Amino acid sequence: MGVFASRTDLIASYEGQLTERQLVFAETKILEAEAMLMSLVPRLASNPAALPELVRYNARRAVCAAVLRVVRNPAGVAYQAVGGATTRLHDNAASGELHFTAEELKPLRARKKRFGVLGVAPVRWAR
């Protein structure tokens, strides 16, 4: 199905039972999330099969998390009232749109090798 995630990955990541309708909706969102992820992290798009297993696992985890946020709250409800109590949902859960958090993208982005000179303050008499 998807390059990084599939229907079975999503089912395994969900804490409950998904209906068939939710699964059909989620399959479309998996493809959208993978396209978005590849545009945010271009090295994933070049040759996904040649990526290290850890990178593919982190991509699968990020896609499943993004899709499950939408499946759990597709309308983007920010407040929920039950009886006399009102609950405000977390901002990440209340968007209703596909997005990736900085924590999900961090392991996927290539680490920059830092070369250069260590910054040193000028000597006291030169100030």
Protein backbone atom coordinates (compact mmCIF):
# COMPACT_ATOMS: atom_id res chain seq x y z
CA MET A 1 0.00 0.00 0.00
CA GLY A 2 2.14 2.90 1.23
CA VAL A 3 5.87 3.24 0.92
CA PHE A 4 6.50 3.31 4.68
CA ALA A 5 3.23 2.40 6.41
CA SER A 6 0.34 0.10 5.67
CA ARG A 7 -3.10 -0.68 6.98
CA THR A 8 -1.72 -3.36 9.32
CA ASP A 9 0.83 -0.91 10.80
CA LEU A 10 -1.99 1.50 11.56
CA ILE A 11 -4.13 -1.21 13.16
CA ALA A 12 -1.17 -2.30 15.30
CA SER A 13 -0.53 1.30 16.42
CA TYR A 14 -4.14 2.00 17.41
CA GLU A 15 -5.26 1.29 20.95
CA GLY A 16 -8.75 0.11 20.01
CA GLN A 17 -10.71 -1.30 17.10
CA LEU A 18 -10.99 0.64 13.85
CA THR A 19 -14.13 0.29 11.78
CA GLU A 20 -13.93 -0.56 8.08
CA ARG A 21 -14.99 2.99 7.24
CA GLN A 22 -12.19 4.42 9.40
CA LEU A 23 -9.69 2.08 7.74
CA VAL A 24 -10.69 3.19 4.24
CA PHE A 25 -10.36 6.82 5.35
CA ALA A 26 -7.01 6.04 6.99
CA GLU A 27 -5.60 4.37 3.87
CA THR A 28 -6.12 7.59 1.92
CA LYS A 29 -4.57 9.60 4.74
CA ILE A 30 -1.53 7.26 4.81
CA LEU A 31 -0.78 8.08 1.18
CA GLU A 32 -1.25 11.81 1.85
CA ALA A 33 0.94 11.68 4.95
CA GLU A 34 3.72 9.84 3.12
CA ALA A 35 3.67 12.40 0.30
CA MET A 36 3.84 15.21 2.85
CA LEU A 37 6.66 13.51 4.74
CA MET A 38 8.69 13.02 1.56
CA SER A 39 8.30 16.69 0.72
CA LEU A 40 9.40 17.71 4.21
CA VAL A 41 12.34 15.27 4.25
CA PRO A 42 13.55 14.98 0.63
CA ARG A 43 16.07 12.20 1.33
CA LEU A 44 13.15 9.84 1.98
CA ALA A 45 11.83 10.28 -1.56
CA SER A 46 14.98 9.39 -3.51
CA ASN A 47 15.12 5.64 -2.89
CA PRO A 48 13.02 4.50 0.09
CA ALA A 49 14.01 0.84 -0.28
CA ALA A 50 17.70 1.71 0.14
CA LEU A 51 17.16 3.60 3.40
CA PRO A 52 18.44 2.04 6.62
CA GLU A 53 15.87 0.02 8.56
CA LEU A 54 15.89 2.51 11.46
CA VAL A 55 14.99 5.41 9.14
CA ARG A 56 12.15 3.40 7.56
CA TYR A 57 10.89 2.48 11.04
CA ASN A 58 10.92 6.12 12.15
CA ALA A 59 9.11 7.14 8.95
CA ARG A 60 6.47 4.45 9.57
CA ARG A 61 6.05 5.63 13.17
CA ALA A 62 5.67 9.29 12.08
CA VAL A 63 3.13 8.44 9.36
CA CYS A 64 1.05 6.27 11.71
CA ALA A 65 1.07 8.96 14.41
CA ALA A 66 -0.01 11.68 11.97
CA VAL A 67 -2.79 9.55 10.49
CA LEU A 68 -4.07 8.40 13.87
CA ARG A 69 -4.34 12.02 15.05
CA VAL A 70 -6.74 12.64 12.16
CA VAL A 71 -8.62 9.35 12.56
CA ARG A 72 -9.22 10.01 16.25
CA ASN A 73 -10.50 13.54 15.62
CA PRO A 74 -11.34 14.08 11.92
CA ALA A 75 -13.50 17.15 12.55
CA GLY A 76 -10.81 18.92 14.58
CA VAL A 77 -12.96 19.32 17.69
CA ALA A 78 -11.14 21.42 20.29
CA TYR A 79 -13.63 21.13 23.17
CA GLN A 80 -15.73 18.19 24.24
CA ALA A 81 -18.68 18.44 26.63
CA VAL A 82 -19.94 15.37 28.45
CA GLY A 83 -22.75 16.01 30.90
CA GLY A 84 -21.84 19.17 32.78
CA ALA A 85 -18.09 18.86 32.25
CA THR A 86 -16.17 20.44 29.38
CA THR A 87 -12.77 19.13 28.33
CA ARG A 88 -10.28 20.95 26.14
CA LEU A 89 -8.32 18.64 23.85
CA HIS A 90 -4.59 18.98 23.27
CA ASP A 91 -3.71 21.33 20.40
CA ASN A 92 -2.07 18.50 18.41
CA ALA A 93 -5.22 16.41 18.63
CA ALA A 94 -7.57 19.29 17.85
CA SER A 95 -6.29 20.30 14.42
CA GLY A 96 -8.11 17.67 12.33
CA GLU A 97 -5.38 18.01 9.69
CA LEU A 98 -2.33 15.96 8.84
CA HIS A 99 0.81 17.34 10.40
CA PHE A 100 4.09 16.11 11.81
CA THR A 101 5.52 17.30 15.09
CA ALA A 102 9.13 18.43 15.43
CA GLU A 103 9.82 15.34 17.56
CA GLU A 104 8.58 13.07 14.77
CA LEU A 105 10.68 14.80 12.10
CA LYS A 106 13.88 15.09 14.13
CA PRO A 107 15.10 11.48 13.70
CA LEU A 108 14.34 11.58 9.97
CA ARG A 109 16.32 14.66 9.09
CA ALA A 110 19.99 14.18 8.32
CA ARG A 111 22.28 15.42 11.00
CA LYS A 112 24.54 18.20 9.84
CA LYS A 113 28.21 17.56 10.28
CA ARG A 114 29.73 20.54 11.93
CA PHE A 115 33.15 21.65 10.90
CA GLY A 116 34.76 24.92 11.63
CA VAL A 117 36.34 27.01 14.25
CA LEU A 118 35.32 27.00 17.86
CA GLY A 119 34.07 30.44 18.85
CA VAL A 120 36.41 32.13 21.28
CA ALA A 121 35.90 35.48 22.97
CA PRO A 122 38.62 38.07 22.31
CA VAL A 123 41.25 38.53 24.98
CA ARG A 124 40.46 41.03 27.68
CA TRP A 125 43.05 43.65 26.63
CA ALA A 126 41.75 43.67 23.02
CA ARG A 127 38.19 44.71 23.97
